[in-house]
Amino acid sequence: MENITLNITGNNIVLAGELTRQTVMTLPKESIKQIINQQTSTIDLQQVNQIDTAGLAWLFYLLELASQTGCQLTFSSVPAKLKKLISLSGVDGFLPVNPA
């Protein structure tokens, strides 16, 4: 199992590694607070090499937390595997994605 890392530089966040049911709970709560307490945050998903339904659910959880704090959260560089999972899960259009 690979880890997931979260690198925060201002309002740009890079997620890298495996975003799965084994790794989502290892993401530091302080980092999550740092993301959602900004006015805007963009999460770059290009380096996510594996994602499952728990990882997708975590992205929606983060989106919900952000909306509660008034943070405008968007996602960029969505990998093909995640696009397929979004489509299979029937949640197309619910994840705010920046155009490439």
C-alpha atoms as a PDB file:
ATOM      1  CA  MET A   1       0.000   0.000   0.000  1.00  0.00           C
ATOM      2  CA  GLU A   2       1.246   3.416  -0.952  1.00  0.00           C
ATOM      3  CA  ASN A   3       0.566   6.522   1.095  1.00  0.00           C
ATOM      4  CA  ILE A   4      -1.271   9.663   0.131  1.00  0.00           C
ATOM      5  CA  THR A   5       0.440  13.013   0.548  1.00  0.00           C
ATOM      6  CA  LEU A   6      -1.051  16.465   0.726  1.00  0.00           C
ATOM      7  CA  ASN A   7       1.210  19.380  -0.203  1.00  0.00           C
ATOM      8  CA  ILE A   8      -0.278  22.811   0.507  1.00  0.00           C
ATOM      9  CA  THR A   9       1.220  25.959  -1.033  1.00  0.00           C
ATOM     10  CA  GLY A  10      -1.103  28.902  -0.428  1.00  0.00           C
ATOM     11  CA  ASN A  11      -4.448  27.984  -1.923  1.00  0.00           C
ATOM     12  CA  ASN A  12      -2.953  25.336  -4.231  1.00  0.00           C
ATOM     13  CA  ILE A  13      -3.003  21.798  -2.919  1.00  0.00           C
ATOM     14  CA  VAL A  14      -1.388  18.783  -4.576  1.00  0.00           C
ATOM     15  CA  LEU A  15      -2.670  15.348  -3.637  1.00  0.00           C
ATOM     16  CA  ALA A  16      -0.343  12.497  -4.604  1.00  0.00           C
ATOM     17  CA  GLY A  17      -0.428   8.724  -4.206  1.00  0.00           C
ATOM     18  CA  GLU A  18      -3.354   6.429  -3.485  1.00  0.00           C
ATOM     19  CA  LEU A  19      -6.632   7.932  -2.333  1.00  0.00           C
ATOM     20  CA  THR A  20      -8.313   4.778  -1.032  1.00  0.00           C
ATOM     21  CA  ARG A  21     -10.197   3.522   2.001  1.00  0.00           C
ATOM     22  CA  GLN A  22      -6.836   2.589   3.559  1.00  0.00           C
ATOM     23  CA  THR A  23      -5.314   6.063   3.130  1.00  0.00           C
ATOM     24  CA  VAL A  24      -8.084   8.671   3.482  1.00  0.00           C
ATOM     25  CA  MET A  25      -8.087   8.427   7.264  1.00  0.00           C
ATOM     26  CA  THR A  26      -4.333   9.076   7.381  1.00  0.00           C
ATOM     27  CA  LEU A  27      -4.672  12.608   5.970  1.00  0.00           C
ATOM     28  CA  PRO A  28      -3.922  15.108   8.758  1.00  0.00           C
ATOM     29  CA  LYS A  29      -6.981  16.932  10.100  1.00  0.00           C
ATOM     30  CA  GLU A  30      -4.898  20.118  10.460  1.00  0.00           C
ATOM     31  CA  SER A  31      -4.186  20.080   6.711  1.00  0.00           C
ATOM     32  CA  ILE A  32      -7.885  19.681   5.976  1.00  0.00           C
ATOM     33  CA  LYS A  33      -8.660  22.674   8.216  1.00  0.00           C
ATOM     34  CA  GLN A  34      -5.973  24.692   6.432  1.00  0.00           C
ATOM     35  CA  ILE A  35      -7.622  23.941   3.078  1.00  0.00           C
ATOM     36  CA  ILE A  36     -11.207  24.748   4.033  1.00  0.00           C
ATOM     37  CA  ASN A  37     -10.397  27.887   6.025  1.00  0.00           C
ATOM     38  CA  GLN A  38      -9.274  29.714   2.872  1.00  0.00           C
ATOM     39  CA  GLN A  39     -11.582  31.669   0.561  1.00  0.00           C
ATOM     40  CA  THR A  40     -10.620  29.522  -2.404  1.00  0.00           C
ATOM     41  CA  SER A  41      -8.658  26.307  -2.747  1.00  0.00           C
ATOM     42  CA  THR A  42      -7.744  24.220  -5.771  1.00  0.00           C
ATOM     43  CA  ILE A  43      -6.783  20.588  -5.357  1.00  0.00           C
ATOM     44  CA  ASP A  44      -4.570  19.188  -8.109  1.00  0.00           C
ATOM     45  CA  LEU A  45      -5.300  15.474  -8.550  1.00  0.00           C
ATOM     46  CA  GLN A  46      -2.816  14.749 -11.341  1.00  0.00           C
ATOM     47  CA  GLN A  47      -0.497  12.723  -9.094  1.00  0.00           C
ATOM     48  CA  VAL A  48      -3.269  10.540  -7.630  1.00  0.00           C
ATOM     49  CA  ASN A  49      -2.432   7.158  -9.129  1.00  0.00           C
ATOM     50  CA  GLN A  50      -5.239   5.154  -7.534  1.00  0.00           C
ATOM     51  CA  ILE A  51      -8.665   6.047  -6.181  1.00  0.00           C
ATOM     52  CA  ASP A  52     -11.629   4.015  -4.983  1.00  0.00           C
ATOM     53  CA  THR A  53     -15.157   4.890  -3.898  1.00  0.00           C
ATOM     54  CA  ALA A  54     -13.921   5.824  -0.411  1.00  0.00           C
ATOM     55  CA  GLY A  55     -11.475   8.272  -1.989  1.00  0.00           C
ATOM     56  CA  LEU A  56     -14.255   9.761  -4.108  1.00  0.00           C
ATOM     57  CA  ALA A  57     -16.486  10.012  -1.020  1.00  0.00           C
ATOM     58  CA  TRP A  58     -13.632  11.813   0.796  1.00  0.00           C
ATOM     59  CA  LEU A  59     -13.452  14.404  -2.005  1.00  0.00           C
ATOM     60  CA  PHE A  60     -17.195  15.043  -1.569  1.00  0.00           C
ATOM     61  CA  TYR A  61     -16.747  15.192   2.216  1.00  0.00           C
ATOM     62  CA  LEU A  62     -14.031  17.820   1.751  1.00  0.00           C
ATOM     63  CA  LEU A  63     -16.315  19.729  -0.628  1.00  0.00           C
ATOM     64  CA  GLU A  64     -19.087  19.712   2.009  1.00  0.00           C
ATOM     65  CA  LEU A  65     -16.718  20.969   4.735  1.00  0.00           C
ATOM     66  CA  ALA A  66     -15.500  23.717   2.410  1.00  0.00           C
ATOM     67  CA  SER A  67     -19.045  24.853   1.660  1.00  0.00           C
ATOM     68  CA  GLN A  68     -19.762  25.080   5.405  1.00  0.00           C
ATOM     69  CA  THR A  69     -16.823  27.449   5.902  1.00  0.00           C
ATOM     70  CA  GLY A  70     -17.465  29.512   2.767  1.00  0.00           C
ATOM     71  CA  CYS A  71     -14.436  28.150   0.903  1.00  0.00           C
ATOM     72  CA  GLN A  72     -14.800  27.810  -2.855  1.00  0.00           C
ATOM     73  CA  LEU A  73     -13.140  24.447  -3.509  1.00  0.00           C
ATOM     74  CA  THR A  74     -12.303  23.230  -7.000  1.00  0.00           C
ATOM     75  CA  PHE A  75     -10.358  20.318  -8.430  1.00  0.00           C
ATOM     76  CA  SER A  76      -7.906  20.259 -11.325  1.00  0.00           C
ATOM     77  CA  SER A  77      -6.039  17.684 -13.420  1.00  0.00           C
ATOM     78  CA  VAL A  78      -8.582  14.943 -12.729  1.00  0.00           C
ATOM     79  CA  PRO A  79      -7.081  11.569 -13.777  1.00  0.00           C
ATOM     80  CA  ALA A  80      -8.939   9.326 -16.237  1.00  0.00           C
ATOM     81  CA  LYS A  81      -9.475   6.669 -13.531  1.00  0.00           C
ATOM     82  CA  LEU A  82     -11.295   9.205 -11.355  1.00  0.00           C
ATOM     83  CA  LYS A  83     -13.382  10.466 -14.284  1.00  0.00           C
ATOM     84  CA  LYS A  84     -14.444   6.870 -14.944  1.00  0.00           C
ATOM     85  CA  LEU A  85     -15.282   6.304 -11.258  1.00  0.00           C
ATOM     86  CA  ILE A  86     -17.321   9.534 -11.200  1.00  0.00           C
ATOM     87  CA  SER A  87     -19.236   8.398 -14.263  1.00  0.00           C
ATOM     88  CA  LEU A  88     -19.831   4.877 -12.900  1.00  0.00           C
ATOM     89  CA  SER A  89     -20.986   6.353  -9.579  1.00  0.00           C
ATOM     90  CA  GLY A  90     -23.543   8.568 -11.318  1.00  0.00           C
ATOM     91  CA  VAL A  91     -22.158  11.805  -9.865  1.00  0.00           C
ATOM     92  CA  ASP A  92     -21.102  13.519 -13.103  1.00  0.00           C
ATOM     93  CA  GLY A  93     -21.151  17.280 -12.690  1.00  0.00           C
ATOM     94  CA  PHE A  94     -21.163  17.271  -8.882  1.00  0.00           C
ATOM     95  CA  LEU A  95     -17.410  17.722  -8.428  1.00  0.00           C
ATOM     96  CA  PRO A  96     -16.365  21.270  -9.410  1.00  0.00           C
ATOM     97  CA  VAL A  97     -13.530  20.756 -11.902  1.00  0.00           C
ATOM     98  CA  ASN A  98     -11.373  23.500 -13.388  1.00  0.00           C
ATOM     99  CA  PRO A  99     -11.026  23.135 -17.149  1.00  0.00           C
ATOM    100  CA  ALA A 100      -7.549  22.041 -18.228  1.00  0.00           C
END
